[in-house]
């Protein structure tokens, strides 16, 4: 599939309806949302991630999707779009929210993360917010699949065996890896 419009229709068939997803109860007490930005380049879907600055209080140096905590009285979909705009300069008018994934919980911070999948155009002029983003990481889904491995990591002195995706020097793990695994599973028919 080369045509982004073909991808939009097919993604809509394979993903959950965003309106239904927000009705789901996710694990965790604090609601948050992320945008899973995708674009088509050379026939492959490419995902856009952020790498957090090393000096952040939470999630320092980690790879994640743009997102954050929901503001009071804000719809979760709007949270995802607002955060993507704030963090990477992805204007909401160039994002077609084509679907969603089930909410994913975080173990330590008690968040329930609602992922919304948005299709955008390639060659986006992303502008990282230096306070929240050290680097924007763009990786094709085939590269992510090839970089999958179950690894033993030490976090806060505790060994954990978890799903990871490594591409180049970038390690994706935790809630982002769980969201990514759900995305890749749903998109398997077109990958």
Foldseek 3Di string as FASTA:
>chain_A
DQDVVVVLVVLLVLAAALVVQLVDDFWFDFEKEAEFEWEADPRFIKTKWFQWDQPDPPNHRAIAGFMDTDDPPHDRVVRHQVRQCQAWVDHPVQWDQSHWHHWDAADPPRYTYTYTYTYGYPPDRTDGDNNTGPDMDMGTLVQQVVQWDFDWDADPNRTDTFIWGDDPPHIHTGRRRVRSVRSCVSCVVPD
